[in-house]
C-alpha atoms as a PDB file:
ATOM      1  CA  MET A   1     -53.748  -0.764  47.932  1.00  0.00           C
ATOM      2  CA  SER A   2     -54.193   1.519  45.010  1.00  0.00           C
ATOM      3  CA  ALA A   3     -49.945   1.220  44.782  1.00  0.00           C
ATOM      4  CA  GLN A   4     -49.667  -2.603  44.486  1.00  0.00           C
ATOM      5  CA  ARG A   5     -52.336  -2.158  41.403  1.00  0.00           C
ATOM      6  CA  GLN A   6     -50.310   0.157  39.390  1.00  0.00           C
ATOM      7  CA  GLN A   7     -46.713  -2.511  40.803  1.00  0.00           C
ATOM      8  CA  HIS A   8     -48.800  -5.148  39.438  1.00  0.00           C
ATOM      9  CA  ASP A   9     -50.450  -3.316  36.120  1.00  0.00           C
ATOM     10  CA  PHE A  10     -46.611  -2.444  35.305  1.00  0.00           C
ATOM     11  CA  ASP A  11     -45.761  -5.569  36.389  1.00  0.00           C
ATOM     12  CA  HIS A  12     -47.478  -7.697  33.991  1.00  0.00           C
ATOM     13  CA  TYR A  13     -46.877  -4.516  31.084  1.00  0.00           C
ATOM     14  CA  ASP A  14     -42.857  -6.011  31.114  1.00  0.00           C
ATOM     15  CA  SER A  15     -43.513  -9.221  31.383  1.00  0.00           C
ATOM     16  CA  GLN A  16     -45.508  -9.113  27.647  1.00  0.00           C
ATOM     17  CA  ASP A  17     -42.547  -6.788  26.621  1.00  0.00           C
ATOM     18  CA  ASN A  18     -40.613  -9.630  27.731  1.00  0.00           C
ATOM     19  CA  ILE A  19     -42.307 -12.302  25.524  1.00  0.00           C
ATOM     20  CA  GLN A  20     -42.636 -10.642  22.765  1.00  0.00           C
ATOM     21  CA  ALA A  21     -39.152  -9.470  22.765  1.00  0.00           C
ATOM     22  CA  ASN A  22     -38.891 -13.787  23.424  1.00  0.00           C
ATOM     23  CA  GLN A  23     -40.913 -14.809  20.160  1.00  0.00           C
ATOM     24  CA  GLU A  24     -39.197 -11.607  17.388  1.00  0.00           C
ATOM     25  CA  GLU A  25     -35.597 -12.913  18.320  1.00  0.00           C
ATOM     26  CA  PRO A  26     -33.868 -15.731  16.313  1.00  0.00           C
ATOM     27  CA  LYS A  27     -32.426 -18.577  18.151  1.00  0.00           C
ATOM     28  CA  TYR A  28     -29.320 -19.027  15.620  1.00  0.00           C
ATOM     29  CA  GLN A  29     -27.268 -16.789  13.431  1.00  0.00           C
ATOM     30  CA  GLU A  30     -27.236 -17.983  10.145  1.00  0.00           C
ATOM     31  CA  PHE A  31     -23.532 -18.443   9.012  1.00  0.00           C
ATOM     32  CA  TYR A  32     -21.959 -16.393   6.626  1.00  0.00           C
ATOM     33  CA  GLU A  33     -18.357 -18.030   5.265  1.00  0.00           C
ATOM     34  CA  ILE A  34     -15.392 -14.850   5.150  1.00  0.00           C
ATOM     35  CA  ASP A  35     -13.485 -14.281   2.716  1.00  0.00           C
ATOM     36  CA  THR A  36      -9.809 -14.421   4.272  1.00  0.00           C
ATOM     37  CA  GLN A  37      -7.860 -13.510   1.161  1.00  0.00           C
ATOM     38  CA  SER A  38      -9.558 -10.562   0.803  1.00  0.00           C
ATOM     39  CA  ALA A  39      -9.347 -10.098   4.615  1.00  0.00           C
ATOM     40  CA  LYS A  40      -5.543 -10.047   4.221  1.00  0.00           C
ATOM     41  CA  LEU A  41      -5.429  -8.508   1.371  1.00  0.00           C
ATOM     42  CA  ARG A  42      -7.046  -4.950   3.054  1.00  0.00           C
ATOM     43  CA  GLU A  43      -5.071  -6.003   6.076  1.00  0.00           C
ATOM     44  CA  LEU A  44      -1.794  -5.031   4.071  1.00  0.00           C
ATOM     45  CA  LEU A  45      -2.545  -2.565   2.258  1.00  0.00           C
ATOM     46  CA  PHE A  46      -3.399  -1.026   4.912  1.00  0.00           C
ATOM     47  CA  PHE A  47       0.083  -1.873   7.279  1.00  0.00           C
ATOM     48  CA  VAL A  48       1.691  -0.763   3.519  1.00  0.00           C
ATOM     49  CA  ARG A  49      -0.265   2.863   3.485  1.00  0.00           C
ATOM     50  CA  ILE A  50       1.209   3.593   6.615  1.00  0.00           C
ATOM     51  CA  SER A  51       5.271   2.722   6.273  1.00  0.00           C
ATOM     52  CA  LEU A  52       4.506   4.289   3.340  1.00  0.00           C
ATOM     53  CA  PHE A  53       3.568   7.166   3.974  1.00  0.00           C
ATOM     54  CA  CYS A  54       5.731   6.818   7.442  1.00  0.00           C
ATOM     55  CA  VAL A  55       9.178   6.548   4.411  1.00  0.00           C
ATOM     56  CA  SER A  56       7.529   9.349   2.374  1.00  0.00           C
ATOM     57  CA  ALA A  57       7.269  11.595   5.395  1.00  0.00           C
ATOM     58  CA  VAL A  58      10.187  11.076   6.296  1.00  0.00           C
ATOM     59  CA  LEU A  59      12.586  11.389   3.159  1.00  0.00           C
ATOM     60  CA  LEU A  60      10.207  14.090   2.163  1.00  0.00           C
ATOM     61  CA  THR A  61      11.209  16.291   5.504  1.00  0.00           C
ATOM     62  CA  PHE A  62      15.373  14.990   5.188  1.00  0.00           C
ATOM     63  CA  LEU A  63      14.968  16.520   1.287  1.00  0.00           C
ATOM     64  CA  PHE A  64      13.545  20.015   2.473  1.00  0.00           C
ATOM     65  CA  LEU A  65      15.664  20.532   5.172  1.00  0.00           C
ATOM     66  CA  THR A  66      18.427  19.485   3.485  1.00  0.00           C
ATOM     67  CA  LEU A  67      17.715  22.684   0.542  1.00  0.00           C
ATOM     68  CA  GLY A  68      17.435  24.957   3.257  1.00  0.00           C
ATOM     69  CA  LEU A  69      13.111  25.612   3.915  1.00  0.00           C
ATOM     70  CA  GLY A  70      12.086  27.064   6.955  1.00  0.00           C
ATOM     71  CA  THR A  71      11.407  23.589   9.698  1.00  0.00           C
ATOM     72  CA  ILE A  72       7.419  23.719   9.845  1.00  0.00           C
ATOM     73  CA  THR A  73       7.332  24.669   5.823  1.00  0.00           C
ATOM     74  CA  SER A  74       9.581  21.449   5.399  1.00  0.00           C
ATOM     75  CA  PHE A  75       7.233  19.299   7.337  1.00  0.00           C
ATOM     76  CA  ALA A  76       3.904  20.885   6.367  1.00  0.00           C
ATOM     77  CA  LEU A  77       5.467  19.864   2.405  1.00  0.00           C
ATOM     78  CA  ALA A  78       7.088  16.256   3.669  1.00  0.00           C
ATOM     79  CA  ILE A  79       2.931  15.751   5.145  1.00  0.00           C
ATOM     80  CA  LEU A  80       0.967  16.846   2.585  1.00  0.00           C
ATOM     81  CA  LEU A  81       3.071  14.840  -0.068  1.00  0.00           C
ATOM     82  CA  GLY A  82       3.038  12.192   2.041  1.00  0.00           C
ATOM     83  CA  ILE A  83      -0.898  11.619   1.963  1.00  0.00           C
ATOM     84  CA  ALA A  84      -0.358  12.451  -1.946  1.00  0.00           C
ATOM     85  CA  ILE A  85       1.433   9.912  -2.737  1.00  0.00           C
ATOM     86  CA  THR A  86       0.368   7.619  -0.668  1.00  0.00           C
ATOM     87  CA  SER A  87      -3.136   7.562  -1.883  1.00  0.00           C
ATOM     88  CA  THR A  88      -2.533   7.852  -5.621  1.00  0.00           C
ATOM     89  CA  ILE A  89       0.170   4.702  -4.855  1.00  0.00           C
ATOM     90  CA  SER A  90      -2.919   3.058  -3.512  1.00  0.00           C
ATOM     91  CA  THR A  91      -5.086   3.992  -5.735  1.00  0.00           C
ATOM     92  CA  PHE A  92      -2.774   2.030  -8.876  1.00  0.00           C
ATOM     93  CA  ILE A  93      -2.700  -0.577  -6.581  1.00  0.00           C
ATOM     94  CA  LEU A  94      -6.622  -1.111  -6.358  1.00  0.00           C
ATOM     95  CA  SER A  95      -6.760  -0.347  -9.597  1.00  0.00           C
ATOM     96  CA  MET A  96      -4.083  -3.385 -10.578  1.00  0.00           C
ATOM     97  CA  LYS A  97      -6.246  -5.979  -8.162  1.00  0.00           C
ATOM     98  CA  LYS A  98      -9.142  -5.250 -10.351  1.00  0.00           C
END
């Protein structure tokens, strides 16, 4: 008998939680217009950054290897300089936008 009563108490609390959750949630969501030009520009800049890093890293690696630096040193310097070039040009592009 006490097990049935405890189950009934839990059912009562569950139904009250569901009623409160339904009352708090709005039935609709407001429409926010997306600025498509800004979103397209951000996507374009993202892919430009990736391609710029890749191209600069490959060219700098080739340059360092032809200068006779070690393989690991060439790759490490090329990656670091590729990141520096990419961030510098990205900062310049963003400053031109504003």
